[in-house]
Amino acid sequence: MSEVNMIKDETENTSVRYVSFSTEFRRYDFAFFESATIDDKVVIIDLQSSHYTTVKKDELKSPKYYAHHFRVNEYEAEEIFEYLKDTLK
């Protein structure tokens, strides 16, 4: 077996927020992780698909960004964007 060089192994307390909401066409289930280790970024995980991304709370990306990272259509990406715009203030 090859040698493993450990680079980092830390444990810390984080803030996790679970959110479920529905629109006319779809239900969304997300987990939001915040940590001092990743500065002002939030890790957003789509719990239905296990796709994730990180964003700065004060710099939301365009809906196309969310369409790509969560692998949803443009309409769903717009719904996600509108929700995040109100949530990540």
N, C-alpha and C. Protein backbone atom coordinates (compact mmCIF):
# COMPACT_ATOMS: atom_id res chain seq x y z
N MET A 1 0.84 -1.18 0.00
CA MET A 1 0.00 0.00 0.00
C MET A 1 0.89 1.24 0.00
N SER A 2 0.50 2.24 -0.74
CA SER A 2 1.31 3.45 -0.82
C SER A 2 1.15 4.29 0.44
N GLU A 3 2.15 5.10 0.68
CA GLU A 3 2.16 5.96 1.86
C GLU A 3 1.20 7.13 1.67
N VAL A 4 0.48 7.48 2.71
CA VAL A 4 -0.44 8.61 2.67
C VAL A 4 0.16 9.75 3.47
N ASN A 5 0.28 10.91 2.86
CA ASN A 5 0.78 12.10 3.54
C ASN A 5 -0.40 12.96 3.94
N MET A 6 -0.73 12.95 5.20
CA MET A 6 -1.86 13.71 5.71
C MET A 6 -1.57 15.20 5.60
N ILE A 7 -2.45 15.93 4.96
CA ILE A 7 -2.28 17.37 4.81
C ILE A 7 -3.06 18.11 5.88
N LYS A 8 -4.29 17.67 6.11
CA LYS A 8 -5.12 18.36 7.09
C LYS A 8 -6.18 17.40 7.60
N ASP A 9 -6.44 17.44 8.90
CA ASP A 9 -7.49 16.63 9.51
C ASP A 9 -7.99 17.39 10.72
N GLU A 10 -9.07 18.17 10.54
CA GLU A 10 -9.59 19.02 11.60
C GLU A 10 -11.05 18.71 11.86
N THR A 11 -11.47 19.00 13.07
CA THR A 11 -12.87 18.92 13.44
C THR A 11 -13.28 20.27 14.00
N GLU A 12 -14.45 20.76 13.58
CA GLU A 12 -14.93 22.02 14.12
C GLU A 12 -16.45 22.00 14.16
N ASN A 13 -17.00 22.89 14.95
CA ASN A 13 -18.44 23.04 15.00
C ASN A 13 -18.86 23.96 13.86
N THR A 14 -19.90 23.57 13.16
CA THR A 14 -20.40 24.37 12.04
C THR A 14 -21.88 24.66 12.24
N SER A 15 -22.34 25.60 11.48
CA SER A 15 -23.76 25.92 11.46
C SER A 15 -24.37 25.25 10.23
N VAL A 16 -25.43 24.48 10.44
CA VAL A 16 -26.12 23.81 9.35
C VAL A 16 -27.59 24.20 9.40
N ARG A 17 -28.10 24.59 8.25
CA ARG A 17 -29.52 24.96 8.14
C ARG A 17 -30.14 24.08 7.06
N TYR A 18 -31.21 23.38 7.40
CA TYR A 18 -31.93 22.55 6.44
C TYR A 18 -33.20 23.28 6.03
N VAL A 19 -33.41 23.39 4.74
CA VAL A 19 -34.57 24.12 4.23
C VAL A 19 -35.25 23.29 3.15
N SER A 20 -36.57 23.18 3.25
CA SER A 20 -37.38 22.57 2.20
C SER A 20 -38.45 23.57 1.82
N PHE A 21 -38.64 23.74 0.52
CA PHE A 21 -39.71 24.61 0.04
C PHE A 21 -40.20 24.07 -1.29
N SER A 22 -41.39 24.46 -1.64
CA SER A 22 -41.94 23.99 -2.91
C SER A 22 -42.46 25.17 -3.71
N THR A 23 -42.43 24.99 -5.00
CA THR A 23 -42.99 25.96 -5.93
C THR A 23 -44.13 25.27 -6.66
N GLU A 24 -44.65 25.90 -7.65
CA GLU A 24 -45.76 25.31 -8.40
C GLU A 24 -45.37 23.99 -9.05
N PHE A 25 -44.09 23.85 -9.42
CA PHE A 25 -43.67 22.68 -10.19
C PHE A 25 -42.74 21.71 -9.47
N ARG A 26 -42.10 22.14 -8.38
CA ARG A 26 -41.07 21.28 -7.80
C ARG A 26 -40.87 21.55 -6.32
N ARG A 27 -40.39 20.53 -5.62
CA ARG A 27 -39.97 20.67 -4.23
C ARG A 27 -38.44 20.73 -4.21
N TYR A 28 -37.91 21.56 -3.31
CA TYR A 28 -36.46 21.71 -3.15
C TYR A 28 -36.10 21.40 -1.70
N ASP A 29 -35.01 20.68 -1.51
CA ASP A 29 -34.48 20.37 -0.18
C ASP A 29 -32.99 20.71 -0.19
N PHE A 30 -32.61 21.68 0.63
CA PHE A 30 -31.23 22.13 0.66
C PHE A 30 -30.67 22.08 2.07
N ALA A 31 -29.35 21.93 2.16
CA ALA A 31 -28.62 22.10 3.41
C ALA A 31 -27.61 23.21 3.17
N PHE A 32 -27.52 24.13 4.12
CA PHE A 32 -26.59 25.26 4.05
C PHE A 32 -25.58 25.11 5.18
N PHE A 33 -24.30 25.01 4.85
CA PHE A 33 -23.24 24.87 5.84
C PHE A 33 -22.42 26.15 5.88
N GLU A 34 -22.23 26.66 7.09
CA GLU A 34 -21.35 27.82 7.28
C GLU A 34 -20.28 27.44 8.28
N SER A 35 -19.06 27.90 8.01
CA SER A 35 -17.93 27.54 8.85
C SER A 35 -16.92 28.67 8.86
N ALA A 36 -16.25 28.83 9.97
CA ALA A 36 -15.19 29.84 10.06
C ALA A 36 -14.03 29.50 9.12
N THR A 37 -13.85 28.25 8.82
CA THR A 37 -12.76 27.81 7.97
C THR A 37 -12.90 28.30 6.53
N ILE A 38 -14.13 28.43 6.06
CA ILE A 38 -14.34 28.83 4.66
C ILE A 38 -14.80 30.28 4.54
N ASP A 39 -14.39 31.11 5.47
CA ASP A 39 -14.63 32.56 5.46
C ASP A 39 -16.11 32.89 5.30
N ASP A 40 -16.44 33.73 4.32
CA ASP A 40 -17.81 34.18 4.13
C ASP A 40 -18.60 33.30 3.17
N LYS A 41 -18.09 32.14 2.88
CA LYS A 41 -18.77 31.26 1.93
C LYS A 41 -19.76 30.35 2.62
N VAL A 42 -20.76 29.95 1.84
CA VAL A 42 -21.76 28.99 2.30
C VAL A 42 -21.72 27.81 1.35
N VAL A 43 -21.67 26.60 1.89
CA VAL A 43 -21.77 25.40 1.07
C VAL A 43 -23.25 25.07 0.97
N ILE A 44 -23.75 24.97 -0.25
CA ILE A 44 -25.16 24.67 -0.48
C ILE A 44 -25.24 23.29 -1.13
N ILE A 45 -25.97 22.38 -0.48
CA ILE A 45 -26.13 21.02 -1.00
C ILE A 45 -27.59 20.79 -1.34
N ASP A 46 -27.84 20.34 -2.56
CA ASP A 46 -29.17 19.91 -2.96
C ASP A 46 -29.33 18.49 -2.44
N LEU A 47 -30.14 18.29 -1.44
CA LEU A 47 -30.26 16.99 -0.79
C LEU A 47 -30.96 15.95 -1.66
N GLN A 48 -31.66 16.37 -2.69
CA GLN A 48 -32.31 15.41 -3.57
C GLN A 48 -31.34 14.82 -4.59
N SER A 49 -30.37 15.61 -5.01
CA SER A 49 -29.46 15.14 -6.05
C SER A 49 -28.02 14.98 -5.57
N SER A 50 -27.71 15.50 -4.39
CA SER A 50 -26.36 15.50 -3.82
C SER A 50 -25.39 16.41 -4.57
N HIS A 51 -25.89 17.27 -5.43
CA HIS A 51 -25.03 18.27 -6.07
C HIS A 51 -24.84 19.43 -5.10
N TYR A 52 -23.69 20.08 -5.21
CA TYR A 52 -23.40 21.16 -4.27
C TYR A 52 -22.59 22.26 -4.94
N THR A 53 -22.53 23.39 -4.26
CA THR A 53 -21.69 24.50 -4.68
C THR A 53 -21.36 25.35 -3.47
N THR A 54 -20.39 26.22 -3.62
CA THR A 54 -20.08 27.20 -2.57
C THR A 54 -20.26 28.58 -3.15
N VAL A 55 -20.82 29.47 -2.36
CA VAL A 55 -21.02 30.86 -2.79
C VAL A 55 -20.71 31.78 -1.63
N LYS A 56 -20.28 32.99 -1.97
CA LYS A 56 -20.14 34.02 -0.95
C LYS A 56 -21.52 34.58 -0.66
N LYS A 57 -21.80 34.82 0.60
CA LYS A 57 -23.13 35.30 0.98
C LYS A 57 -23.48 36.62 0.32
N ASP A 58 -22.49 37.47 0.11
CA ASP A 58 -22.78 38.78 -0.45
C ASP A 58 -22.54 38.86 -1.97
N GLU A 59 -22.23 37.75 -2.60
CA GLU A 59 -21.99 37.74 -4.05
C GLU A 59 -22.71 36.57 -4.70
N LEU A 60 -24.03 36.65 -4.80
CA LEU A 60 -24.78 35.58 -5.44
C LEU A 60 -24.45 35.51 -6.92
N LYS A 61 -24.40 34.32 -7.42
CA LYS A 61 -24.11 34.09 -8.84
C LYS A 61 -25.39 34.25 -9.65
N SER A 62 -25.27 34.17 -10.96
CA SER A 62 -26.43 34.28 -11.84
C SER A 62 -27.21 32.96 -11.82
N PRO A 63 -28.48 32.97 -12.23
CA PRO A 63 -29.25 31.72 -12.29
C PRO A 63 -28.57 30.64 -13.14
N LYS A 64 -27.84 31.02 -14.18
CA LYS A 64 -27.15 30.03 -15.01
C LYS A 64 -26.12 29.25 -14.20
N TYR A 65 -25.50 29.91 -13.24
CA TYR A 65 -24.53 29.25 -12.37
C TYR A 65 -25.20 28.11 -11.61
N TYR A 66 -26.39 28.37 -11.07
CA TYR A 66 -27.11 27.35 -10.31
C TYR A 66 -27.66 26.27 -11.22
N ALA A 67 -28.03 26.62 -12.44
CA ALA A 67 -28.49 25.62 -13.40
C ALA A 67 -27.37 24.61 -13.66
N HIS A 68 -26.16 25.12 -13.80
CA HIS A 68 -25.01 24.25 -14.05
C HIS A 68 -24.67 23.39 -12.83
N HIS A 69 -24.54 23.99 -11.67
CA HIS A 69 -24.08 23.25 -10.49
C HIS A 69 -25.12 22.30 -9.91
N PHE A 70 -26.38 22.65 -10.01
CA PHE A 70 -27.42 21.76 -9.48
C PHE A 70 -28.08 20.93 -10.58
N ARG A 71 -27.63 21.13 -11.80
CA ARG A 71 -28.13 20.38 -12.96
C ARG A 71 -29.65 20.45 -13.06
N VAL A 72 -30.14 21.68 -13.11
CA VAL A 72 -31.58 21.93 -13.25
C VAL A 72 -31.79 22.80 -14.49
N ASN A 73 -33.04 22.92 -14.92
CA ASN A 73 -33.31 23.77 -16.08
C ASN A 73 -33.29 25.24 -15.67
N GLU A 74 -33.41 26.12 -16.65
CA GLU A 74 -33.29 27.56 -16.39
C GLU A 74 -34.41 28.07 -15.48
N TYR A 75 -35.61 27.53 -15.65
CA TYR A 75 -36.74 27.95 -14.82
C TYR A 75 -36.48 27.59 -13.35
N GLU A 76 -36.03 26.36 -13.11
CA GLU A 76 -35.73 25.93 -11.74
C GLU A 76 -34.55 26.72 -11.17
N ALA A 77 -33.57 27.01 -12.00
CA ALA A 77 -32.43 27.81 -11.55
C ALA A 77 -32.87 29.20 -11.12
N GLU A 78 -33.82 29.77 -11.82
CA GLU A 78 -34.35 31.08 -11.46
C GLU A 78 -35.07 31.01 -10.11
N GLU A 79 -35.81 29.92 -9.87
CA GLU A 79 -36.49 29.74 -8.58
C GLU A 79 -35.47 29.64 -7.45
N ILE A 80 -34.41 28.88 -7.67
CA ILE A 80 -33.36 28.73 -6.66
C ILE A 80 -32.69 30.08 -6.41
N PHE A 81 -32.37 30.80 -7.46
CA PHE A 81 -31.73 32.10 -7.34
C PHE A 81 -32.60 33.06 -6.52
N GLU A 82 -33.89 33.12 -6.82
CA GLU A 82 -34.79 34.02 -6.10
C GLU A 82 -34.87 33.65 -4.62
N TYR A 83 -34.89 32.36 -4.33
CA TYR A 83 -34.91 31.92 -2.94
C TYR A 83 -33.62 32.32 -2.23
N LEU A 84 -32.48 32.05 -2.85
CA LEU A 84 -31.19 32.36 -2.23
C LEU A 84 -31.00 33.86 -2.03
N LYS A 85 -31.50 34.64 -2.95
CA LYS A 85 -31.39 36.09 -2.85
C LYS A 85 -32.03 36.59 -1.56
N ASP A 86 -33.15 36.00 -1.18
CA ASP A 86 -33.84 36.39 0.05
C ASP A 86 -33.25 35.73 1.29
N THR A 87 -32.67 34.56 1.13
CA THR A 87 -32.21 33.77 2.27
C THR A 87 -30.79 34.11 2.73
N LEU A 88 -29.90 34.35 1.80
CA LEU A 88 -28.48 34.53 2.14
C LEU A 88 -28.09 35.98 2.33
N LYS A 89 -28.91 36.74 2.99
CA LYS A 89 -28.61 38.16 3.24
C LYS A 89 -27.71 38.31 4.43
